[in-house]
Amino acid sequence: MRRAGGLLLALALSGCATVDRAEAPQEPACPAGQEHLRTAQLFFGRSVGQTPTVSEAAFDQFVDQEITPRFPDGLTILDGGGQWRGSENQLIREAAKVVLIVLPRKGDAPQKINAVRDAYKKRFSQETVLLITQAACVSF
């Protein structure tokens, strides 16, 4: 029976493909009227450990002072919640804000995003601000 289980596992794993990380991902084919741009999703935790520390007013002030000046064309803010494993290997559950930004074609968007992340970590004593960027088809 162990042989059969091992064989099934070997067969299942042999079907997995590896991706050459040197290959650049292809941009999606955009429908007519849309263009290729990139989006950024920033995940801002609102607690340190189990203690809420970032109020709605404090987060709004942060958006007004740090994010909006860097990305004046607009953004979307969503309420969220999640969990992650902190630096002390402890599971942390907390409320979060998710900020979605369609990045401009030109300029220094990566530097601006990193400045926002650094400012938040410093102001609110956060270990990290999760960032996801991806290609997108966008129409305004």
C-alpha atoms as a PDB file:
ATOM      1  CA  MET A   1       0.000   0.000   0.000  1.00  0.00           C
ATOM      2  CA  ARG A   2       2.888   2.380   0.771  1.00  0.00           C
ATOM      3  CA  ARG A   3       4.265   1.798  -2.714  1.00  0.00           C
ATOM      4  CA  ALA A   4       0.935   2.742  -4.280  1.00  0.00           C
ATOM      5  CA  GLY A   5       0.773   5.929  -2.205  1.00  0.00           C
ATOM      6  CA  GLY A   6       4.366   6.802  -3.097  1.00  0.00           C
ATOM      7  CA  LEU A   7       3.698   6.101  -6.770  1.00  0.00           C
ATOM      8  CA  LEU A   8       0.608   8.296  -6.768  1.00  0.00           C
ATOM      9  CA  LEU A   9       2.560  11.097  -5.097  1.00  0.00           C
ATOM     10  CA  ALA A  10       5.400  10.764  -7.611  1.00  0.00           C
ATOM     11  CA  LEU A  11       2.947  10.826 -10.520  1.00  0.00           C
ATOM     12  CA  ALA A  12       1.141  13.851  -9.122  1.00  0.00           C
ATOM     13  CA  LEU A  13       4.380  15.754  -8.610  1.00  0.00           C
ATOM     14  CA  SER A  14       5.718  14.842 -12.034  1.00  0.00           C
ATOM     15  CA  GLY A  15       2.806  16.726 -13.579  1.00  0.00           C
ATOM     16  CA  CYS A  16       3.873  19.978 -11.919  1.00  0.00           C
ATOM     17  CA  ALA A  17       5.575  22.406 -14.266  1.00  0.00           C
ATOM     18  CA  THR A  18       8.363  24.693 -13.222  1.00  0.00           C
ATOM     19  CA  VAL A  19       8.456  28.307 -14.290  1.00  0.00           C
ATOM     20  CA  ASP A  20      11.669  29.886 -15.481  1.00  0.00           C
ATOM     21  CA  ARG A  21      11.787  33.053 -13.385  1.00  0.00           C
ATOM     22  CA  ALA A  22      13.939  34.707 -16.052  1.00  0.00           C
ATOM     23  CA  GLU A  23      10.937  34.769 -18.367  1.00  0.00           C
ATOM     24  CA  ALA A  24       8.946  37.986 -18.092  1.00  0.00           C
ATOM     25  CA  PRO A  25       5.220  37.480 -17.541  1.00  0.00           C
ATOM     26  CA  GLN A  26       3.112  38.306 -20.545  1.00  0.00           C
ATOM     27  CA  GLU A  27       0.760  41.233 -20.316  1.00  0.00           C
ATOM     28  CA  PRO A  28      -2.904  40.371 -20.685  1.00  0.00           C
ATOM     29  CA  ALA A  29      -4.557  41.015 -24.030  1.00  0.00           C
ATOM     30  CA  CYS A  30      -6.689  44.064 -23.342  1.00  0.00           C
ATOM     31  CA  PRO A  31     -10.121  44.520 -24.897  1.00  0.00           C
ATOM     32  CA  ALA A  32     -10.746  47.504 -27.154  1.00  0.00           C
ATOM     33  CA  GLY A  33     -10.900  50.716 -25.179  1.00  0.00           C
ATOM     34  CA  GLN A  34      -8.597  49.518 -22.409  1.00  0.00           C
ATOM     35  CA  GLU A  35      -4.868  49.996 -22.001  1.00  0.00           C
ATOM     36  CA  HIS A  36      -2.021  48.159 -20.276  1.00  0.00           C
ATOM     37  CA  LEU A  37      -1.159  49.680 -16.920  1.00  0.00           C
ATOM     38  CA  ARG A  38      -0.065  48.374 -13.533  1.00  0.00           C
ATOM     39  CA  THR A  39      -1.936  48.407 -10.261  1.00  0.00           C
ATOM     40  CA  ALA A  40      -0.690  48.416  -6.700  1.00  0.00           C
ATOM     41  CA  GLN A  41      -2.498  46.990  -3.700  1.00  0.00           C
ATOM     42  CA  LEU A  42      -1.209  48.118  -0.325  1.00  0.00           C
ATOM     43  CA  PHE A  43      -2.304  46.331   2.854  1.00  0.00           C
ATOM     44  CA  PHE A  44      -2.047  48.530   5.950  1.00  0.00           C
ATOM     45  CA  GLY A  45      -2.409  46.782   9.308  1.00  0.00           C
ATOM     46  CA  ARG A  46      -4.160  48.792  11.991  1.00  0.00           C
ATOM     47  CA  SER A  47      -2.877  47.075  15.132  1.00  0.00           C
ATOM     48  CA  VAL A  48       0.322  46.333  16.944  1.00  0.00           C
ATOM     49  CA  GLY A  49      -0.076  42.827  18.328  1.00  0.00           C
ATOM     50  CA  GLN A  50      -3.678  42.521  19.452  1.00  0.00           C
ATOM     51  CA  THR A  51      -4.083  46.224  20.316  1.00  0.00           C
ATOM     52  CA  PRO A  52      -5.855  48.536  17.840  1.00  0.00           C
ATOM     53  CA  THR A  53      -3.646  51.570  17.321  1.00  0.00           C
ATOM     54  CA  VAL A  54      -4.661  53.225  14.058  1.00  0.00           C
ATOM     55  CA  SER A  55      -8.050  54.924  14.247  1.00  0.00           C
ATOM     56  CA  GLU A  56     -10.166  55.834  11.225  1.00  0.00           C
ATOM     57  CA  ALA A  57      -9.250  59.495  11.739  1.00  0.00           C
ATOM     58  CA  ALA A  58      -5.527  58.695  11.969  1.00  0.00           C
ATOM     59  CA  PHE A  59      -5.682  56.597   8.804  1.00  0.00           C
ATOM     60  CA  ASP A  60      -7.626  59.322   6.940  1.00  0.00           C
ATOM     61  CA  GLN A  61      -5.005  61.853   8.003  1.00  0.00           C
ATOM     62  CA  PHE A  62      -2.249  59.533   6.760  1.00  0.00           C
ATOM     63  CA  VAL A  63      -4.008  59.214   3.385  1.00  0.00           C
ATOM     64  CA  ASP A  64      -4.348  62.996   3.136  1.00  0.00           C
ATOM     65  CA  GLN A  65      -0.725  63.674   4.084  1.00  0.00           C
ATOM     66  CA  GLU A  66       1.176  60.779   2.495  1.00  0.00           C
ATOM     67  CA  ILE A  67      -0.779  58.960  -0.221  1.00  0.00           C
ATOM     68  CA  THR A  68      -2.910  61.606  -1.940  1.00  0.00           C
ATOM     69  CA  PRO A  69      -0.004  64.016  -2.586  1.00  0.00           C
ATOM     70  CA  ARG A  70       1.941  61.192  -4.258  1.00  0.00           C
ATOM     71  CA  PHE A  71      -1.036  59.776  -6.204  1.00  0.00           C
ATOM     72  CA  PRO A  72      -3.399  62.715  -6.784  1.00  0.00           C
ATOM     73  CA  ASP A  73      -5.246  61.055  -9.694  1.00  0.00           C
ATOM     74  CA  GLY A  74      -7.181  58.795  -7.340  1.00  0.00           C
ATOM     75  CA  LEU A  75      -7.247  55.622  -5.316  1.00  0.00           C
ATOM     76  CA  THR A  76      -9.699  53.255  -3.669  1.00  0.00           C
ATOM     77  CA  ILE A  77      -9.725  52.365   0.019  1.00  0.00           C
ATOM     78  CA  LEU A  78     -11.342  49.172   1.308  1.00  0.00           C
ATOM     79  CA  ASP A  79     -11.827  47.890   4.836  1.00  0.00           C
ATOM     80  CA  GLY A  80     -10.343  44.488   5.420  1.00  0.00           C
ATOM     81  CA  GLY A  81      -9.020  42.140   7.990  1.00  0.00           C
ATOM     82  CA  GLY A  82      -6.464  39.443   7.947  1.00  0.00           C
ATOM     83  CA  GLN A  83      -3.816  37.525   9.734  1.00  0.00           C
ATOM     84  CA  TRP A  84      -0.101  37.006   9.392  1.00  0.00           C
ATOM     85  CA  ARG A  85       2.794  35.598  11.333  1.00  0.00           C
ATOM     86  CA  GLY A  86       4.845  38.319  13.003  1.00  0.00           C
ATOM     87  CA  SER A  87       8.574  38.505  13.565  1.00  0.00           C
ATOM     88  CA  GLU A  88       8.249  36.654  16.889  1.00  0.00           C
ATOM     89  CA  ASN A  89       6.468  33.774  15.092  1.00  0.00           C
ATOM     90  CA  GLN A  90       3.155  34.750  16.687  1.00  0.00           C
ATOM     91  CA  LEU A  91      -0.092  34.734  14.707  1.00  0.00           C
ATOM     92  CA  ILE A  92      -1.496  38.253  14.483  1.00  0.00           C
ATOM     93  CA  ARG A  93      -5.076  39.019  13.453  1.00  0.00           C
ATOM     94  CA  GLU A  94      -5.962  42.592  12.786  1.00  0.00           C
ATOM     95  CA  ALA A  95      -8.191  45.048  11.011  1.00  0.00           C
ATOM     96  CA  ALA A  96      -6.647  46.455   7.847  1.00  0.00           C
ATOM     97  CA  LYS A  97      -7.092  49.028   5.136  1.00  0.00           C
ATOM     98  CA  VAL A  98      -6.455  48.017   1.539  1.00  0.00           C
ATOM     99  CA  VAL A  99      -5.529  50.818  -0.848  1.00  0.00           C
ATOM    100  CA  LEU A 100      -5.791  50.181  -4.588  1.00  0.00           C
ATOM    101  CA  ILE A 101      -3.951  52.493  -6.975  1.00  0.00           C
ATOM    102  CA  VAL A 102      -3.754  52.439 -10.771  1.00  0.00           C
ATOM    103  CA  LEU A 103      -0.146  53.457 -11.288  1.00  0.00           C
ATOM    104  CA  PRO A 104       0.649  56.217 -13.764  1.00  0.00           C
ATOM    105  CA  ARG A 105       2.496  55.276 -16.956  1.00  0.00           C
ATOM    106  CA  LYS A 106       5.336  57.693 -16.292  1.00  0.00           C
ATOM    107  CA  GLY A 107       7.117  58.889 -13.225  1.00  0.00           C
ATOM    108  CA  ASP A 108       8.609  57.300 -10.184  1.00  0.00           C
ATOM    109  CA  ALA A 109       5.649  55.257  -8.900  1.00  0.00           C
ATOM    110  CA  PRO A 110       7.802  52.524  -7.275  1.00  0.00           C
ATOM    111  CA  GLN A 111       9.709  55.108  -5.237  1.00  0.00           C
ATOM    112  CA  LYS A 112       6.459  56.828  -4.228  1.00  0.00           C
ATOM    113  CA  ILE A 113       4.907  53.515  -3.166  1.00  0.00           C
ATOM    114  CA  ASN A 114       7.967  52.674  -1.064  1.00  0.00           C
ATOM    115  CA  ALA A 115       7.898  56.151   0.520  1.00  0.00           C
ATOM    116  CA  VAL A 116       4.254  55.584   1.521  1.00  0.00           C
ATOM    117  CA  ARG A 117       5.091  52.168   2.986  1.00  0.00           C
ATOM    118  CA  ASP A 118       8.066  53.542   4.924  1.00  0.00           C
ATOM    119  CA  ALA A 119       6.048  56.488   6.266  1.00  0.00           C
ATOM    120  CA  TYR A 120       3.277  54.185   7.524  1.00  0.00           C
ATOM    121  CA  LYS A 121       5.678  51.767   9.198  1.00  0.00           C
ATOM    122  CA  LYS A 122       7.446  54.636  10.946  1.00  0.00           C
ATOM    123  CA  ARG A 123       4.327  56.575  11.970  1.00  0.00           C
ATOM    124  CA  PHE A 124       2.360  53.598  13.294  1.00  0.00           C
ATOM    125  CA  SER A 125       5.168  51.234  14.417  1.00  0.00           C
ATOM    126  CA  GLN A 126       4.252  48.553  11.879  1.00  0.00           C
ATOM    127  CA  GLU A 127       6.621  45.760  10.879  1.00  0.00           C
ATOM    128  CA  THR A 128       5.520  45.809   7.258  1.00  0.00           C
ATOM    129  CA  VAL A 129       3.048  47.044   4.661  1.00  0.00           C
ATOM    130  CA  LEU A 130       2.243  44.289   2.180  1.00  0.00           C
ATOM    131  CA  LEU A 131       2.486  45.332  -1.478  1.00  0.00           C
ATOM    132  CA  ILE A 132       1.134  43.509  -4.517  1.00  0.00           C
ATOM    133  CA  THR A 133       1.637  44.916  -8.022  1.00  0.00           C
ATOM    134  CA  GLN A 134       0.262  43.426 -11.185  1.00  0.00           C
ATOM    135  CA  ALA A 135      -0.468  44.106 -14.824  1.00  0.00           C
ATOM    136  CA  ALA A 136      -4.003  45.219 -15.586  1.00  0.00           C
ATOM    137  CA  CYS A 137      -6.237  46.313 -18.423  1.00  0.00           C
ATOM    138  CA  VAL A 138      -7.661  49.712 -17.503  1.00  0.00           C
ATOM    139  CA  SER A 139     -10.261  52.045 -18.944  1.00  0.00           C
ATOM    140  CA  PHE A 140     -10.960  55.502 -17.499  1.00  0.00           C
END
